[in-house]
N, C-alpha and C. Protein backbone atom coordinates (compact mmCIF):
# COMPACT_ATOMS: atom_id res chain seq x y z
N MET A 1 5.81 5.18 2.73
CA MET A 1 5.21 4.98 4.02
C MET A 1 5.47 3.54 4.47
N ILE A 2 5.61 3.36 5.76
CA ILE A 2 5.80 2.04 6.33
C ILE A 2 4.44 1.49 6.75
N PHE A 3 4.19 0.23 6.38
CA PHE A 3 2.96 -0.45 6.77
C PHE A 3 3.31 -1.70 7.56
N LYS A 4 2.53 -1.95 8.62
CA LYS A 4 2.65 -3.18 9.38
C LYS A 4 1.52 -4.09 8.92
N VAL A 5 1.89 -5.31 8.51
CA VAL A 5 0.92 -6.27 8.01
C VAL A 5 0.82 -7.43 9.00
N LEU A 6 -0.38 -7.65 9.52
CA LEU A 6 -0.64 -8.81 10.38
C LEU A 6 -1.24 -9.88 9.48
N TYR A 7 -0.70 -11.10 9.57
CA TYR A 7 -1.12 -12.14 8.64
C TYR A 7 -1.05 -13.53 9.26
N GLN A 8 -1.70 -14.47 8.57
CA GLN A 8 -1.63 -15.89 8.89
C GLN A 8 -0.85 -16.56 7.76
N GLU A 9 0.09 -17.43 8.10
CA GLU A 9 0.90 -18.10 7.08
C GLU A 9 0.14 -19.18 6.31
N LYS A 10 -0.78 -19.86 6.98
CA LYS A 10 -1.47 -20.99 6.37
C LYS A 10 -2.93 -20.64 6.10
N PRO A 11 -3.26 -20.31 4.86
CA PRO A 11 -4.62 -19.88 4.56
C PRO A 11 -5.67 -20.97 4.76
N GLN A 12 -5.28 -22.22 4.74
CA GLN A 12 -6.24 -23.31 4.90
C GLN A 12 -6.66 -23.52 6.35
N GLU A 13 -5.99 -22.89 7.30
CA GLU A 13 -6.33 -23.03 8.71
C GLU A 13 -7.15 -21.83 9.19
N ASN A 14 -7.98 -22.07 10.19
CA ASN A 14 -8.72 -20.97 10.80
C ASN A 14 -7.74 -20.03 11.50
N PRO A 15 -7.93 -18.72 11.35
CA PRO A 15 -7.03 -17.78 12.01
C PRO A 15 -7.09 -17.91 13.53
N LYS A 16 -5.93 -17.87 14.15
CA LYS A 16 -5.82 -17.88 15.60
C LYS A 16 -4.86 -16.78 16.01
N ARG A 17 -5.19 -16.09 17.04
CA ARG A 17 -4.35 -15.00 17.51
C ARG A 17 -2.91 -15.47 17.76
N GLU A 18 -2.78 -16.67 18.31
CA GLU A 18 -1.46 -17.20 18.65
C GLU A 18 -0.58 -17.44 17.43
N SER A 19 -1.20 -17.60 16.26
CA SER A 19 -0.40 -17.86 15.06
C SER A 19 -0.29 -16.64 14.15
N THR A 20 -0.80 -15.50 14.60
CA THR A 20 -0.68 -14.27 13.81
C THR A 20 0.76 -13.79 13.82
N LYS A 21 1.26 -13.44 12.65
CA LYS A 21 2.62 -12.92 12.51
C LYS A 21 2.54 -11.53 11.89
N SER A 22 3.66 -10.84 11.88
CA SER A 22 3.67 -9.50 11.28
C SER A 22 4.91 -9.30 10.43
N LEU A 23 4.77 -8.41 9.47
CA LEU A 23 5.91 -7.97 8.67
C LEU A 23 5.70 -6.50 8.36
N TYR A 24 6.75 -5.86 7.91
CA TYR A 24 6.72 -4.43 7.62
C TYR A 24 7.12 -4.21 6.17
N LEU A 25 6.37 -3.37 5.47
CA LEU A 25 6.66 -3.04 4.09
C LEU A 25 6.74 -1.53 3.93
N ASP A 26 7.67 -1.10 3.09
CA ASP A 26 7.83 0.31 2.76
C ASP A 26 7.34 0.49 1.33
N THR A 27 6.14 1.04 1.18
CA THR A 27 5.55 1.24 -0.14
C THR A 27 4.59 2.43 -0.09
N GLU A 28 4.00 2.76 -1.23
CA GLU A 28 3.21 3.97 -1.34
C GLU A 28 1.81 3.88 -0.76
N THR A 29 1.13 2.75 -0.99
CA THR A 29 -0.27 2.67 -0.61
C THR A 29 -0.62 1.29 -0.03
N GLU A 30 -1.76 1.23 0.64
CA GLU A 30 -2.26 -0.05 1.17
C GLU A 30 -2.55 -1.01 0.02
N ALA A 31 -3.04 -0.49 -1.10
CA ALA A 31 -3.31 -1.33 -2.26
C ALA A 31 -2.03 -2.00 -2.76
N LYS A 32 -0.93 -1.27 -2.76
CA LYS A 32 0.36 -1.83 -3.18
C LYS A 32 0.82 -2.90 -2.19
N VAL A 33 0.55 -2.70 -0.90
CA VAL A 33 0.87 -3.71 0.11
C VAL A 33 0.14 -5.01 -0.23
N ARG A 34 -1.17 -4.90 -0.49
CA ARG A 34 -1.96 -6.09 -0.83
C ARG A 34 -1.43 -6.77 -2.07
N ASP A 35 -1.06 -5.99 -3.09
CA ASP A 35 -0.51 -6.57 -4.32
C ASP A 35 0.79 -7.32 -4.04
N LEU A 36 1.69 -6.72 -3.26
CA LEU A 36 2.97 -7.37 -2.95
C LEU A 36 2.76 -8.69 -2.20
N ILE A 37 1.86 -8.69 -1.23
CA ILE A 37 1.59 -9.91 -0.46
C ILE A 37 0.99 -10.97 -1.38
N ASP A 38 0.02 -10.58 -2.20
CA ASP A 38 -0.63 -11.54 -3.12
C ASP A 38 0.36 -12.12 -4.14
N GLU A 39 1.24 -11.30 -4.66
CA GLU A 39 2.19 -11.74 -5.68
C GLU A 39 3.31 -12.61 -5.13
N ASN A 40 3.66 -12.43 -3.86
CA ASN A 40 4.86 -13.06 -3.32
C ASN A 40 4.65 -14.09 -2.22
N THR A 41 3.42 -14.23 -1.73
CA THR A 41 3.17 -15.16 -0.63
C THR A 41 1.80 -15.81 -0.78
N ASP A 42 1.52 -16.77 0.10
CA ASP A 42 0.19 -17.36 0.22
C ASP A 42 -0.49 -16.90 1.50
N TYR A 43 0.03 -15.86 2.11
CA TYR A 43 -0.47 -15.40 3.40
C TYR A 43 -1.90 -14.88 3.31
N THR A 44 -2.61 -15.02 4.41
CA THR A 44 -3.93 -14.42 4.56
C THR A 44 -3.76 -13.16 5.41
N ILE A 45 -4.04 -12.03 4.82
CA ILE A 45 -3.89 -10.75 5.52
C ILE A 45 -5.03 -10.58 6.51
N GLU A 46 -4.68 -10.26 7.74
CA GLU A 46 -5.67 -9.94 8.76
C GLU A 46 -5.91 -8.44 8.86
N TYR A 47 -4.80 -7.69 8.81
CA TYR A 47 -4.91 -6.25 9.03
C TYR A 47 -3.67 -5.56 8.47
N ILE A 48 -3.87 -4.40 7.88
CA ILE A 48 -2.76 -3.57 7.40
C ILE A 48 -2.86 -2.23 8.12
N GLN A 49 -1.76 -1.85 8.76
CA GLN A 49 -1.76 -0.63 9.56
C GLN A 49 -0.64 0.30 9.08
N PRO A 50 -1.00 1.52 8.64
CA PRO A 50 0.05 2.48 8.31
C PRO A 50 0.73 2.97 9.59
N LEU A 51 2.04 3.09 9.55
CA LEU A 51 2.79 3.55 10.72
C LEU A 51 3.43 4.90 10.43
N GLU A 52 3.27 5.81 11.39
CA GLU A 52 3.93 7.11 11.27
C GLU A 52 4.09 7.72 12.66
N GLY A 53 4.91 8.71 12.74
CA GLY A 53 5.09 9.43 14.00
C GLY A 53 5.59 8.55 15.13
N LYS A 54 5.01 8.74 16.30
CA LYS A 54 5.43 8.02 17.51
C LYS A 54 5.21 6.51 17.38
N HIS A 55 4.14 6.13 16.68
CA HIS A 55 3.88 4.70 16.51
C HIS A 55 4.99 4.04 15.69
N LEU A 56 5.41 4.68 14.61
CA LEU A 56 6.52 4.16 13.81
C LEU A 56 7.79 4.12 14.64
N GLU A 57 8.05 5.16 15.38
CA GLU A 57 9.23 5.21 16.24
C GLU A 57 9.23 4.05 17.24
N PHE A 58 8.09 3.78 17.83
CA PHE A 58 7.97 2.66 18.77
C PHE A 58 8.28 1.34 18.07
N GLU A 59 7.67 1.11 16.90
CA GLU A 59 7.89 -0.15 16.18
C GLU A 59 9.35 -0.31 15.74
N GLU A 60 9.98 0.78 15.33
CA GLU A 60 11.39 0.72 14.91
C GLU A 60 12.31 0.29 16.05
N ASN A 61 11.91 0.53 17.28
CA ASN A 61 12.72 0.15 18.44
C ASN A 61 12.49 -1.29 18.90
N GLU A 62 11.53 -1.98 18.29
CA GLU A 62 11.28 -3.38 18.63
C GLU A 62 12.38 -4.26 18.01
N PRO A 63 12.80 -5.30 18.71
CA PRO A 63 13.89 -6.15 18.20
C PRO A 63 13.56 -6.86 16.89
N ASP A 64 12.29 -7.12 16.62
CA ASP A 64 11.91 -7.84 15.40
C ASP A 64 11.59 -6.93 14.22
N PHE A 65 11.81 -5.63 14.38
CA PHE A 65 11.49 -4.70 13.30
C PHE A 65 12.49 -4.86 12.16
N LYS A 66 11.96 -5.18 10.98
CA LYS A 66 12.79 -5.30 9.78
C LYS A 66 11.88 -5.10 8.58
N ILE A 67 12.27 -4.24 7.66
CA ILE A 67 11.49 -4.01 6.47
C ILE A 67 11.65 -5.23 5.55
N THR A 68 10.53 -5.80 5.14
CA THR A 68 10.55 -6.96 4.24
C THR A 68 10.69 -6.46 2.80
N GLU A 69 11.58 -7.12 2.06
CA GLU A 69 11.75 -6.81 0.64
C GLU A 69 11.56 -8.09 -0.14
N PHE A 70 10.71 -8.05 -1.14
CA PHE A 70 10.49 -9.21 -1.99
C PHE A 70 11.36 -9.09 -3.22
N ASN A 71 12.10 -10.13 -3.52
CA ASN A 71 12.98 -10.16 -4.70
C ASN A 71 12.17 -10.55 -5.92
N LYS A 72 12.35 -9.81 -6.95
CA LYS A 72 11.65 -10.11 -8.21
C LYS A 72 12.55 -10.87 -9.14
C-alpha cells in the first residue's frame, strides 16, 4: 500500500503549515511507515495517510509524486 507522510524536517522547531513536507512510502502497514521514518530520519511525523483508488490516482499525477526508498 502507498502511504503519504506529512512531516516536519526539524524536530526542534514548532510545526508550521508552511514548513510541512510530504513523502510517499510503499509498505505494508502504518506501523512499518513509522519504523522506516524513525530508523532513517529525524523527521517529526504530522500525519500518515493511506492512499488508494481515486485519491492515489490523483497523487500519482502530481509532479512531485515519487516513492521514497531508504537504502540500508
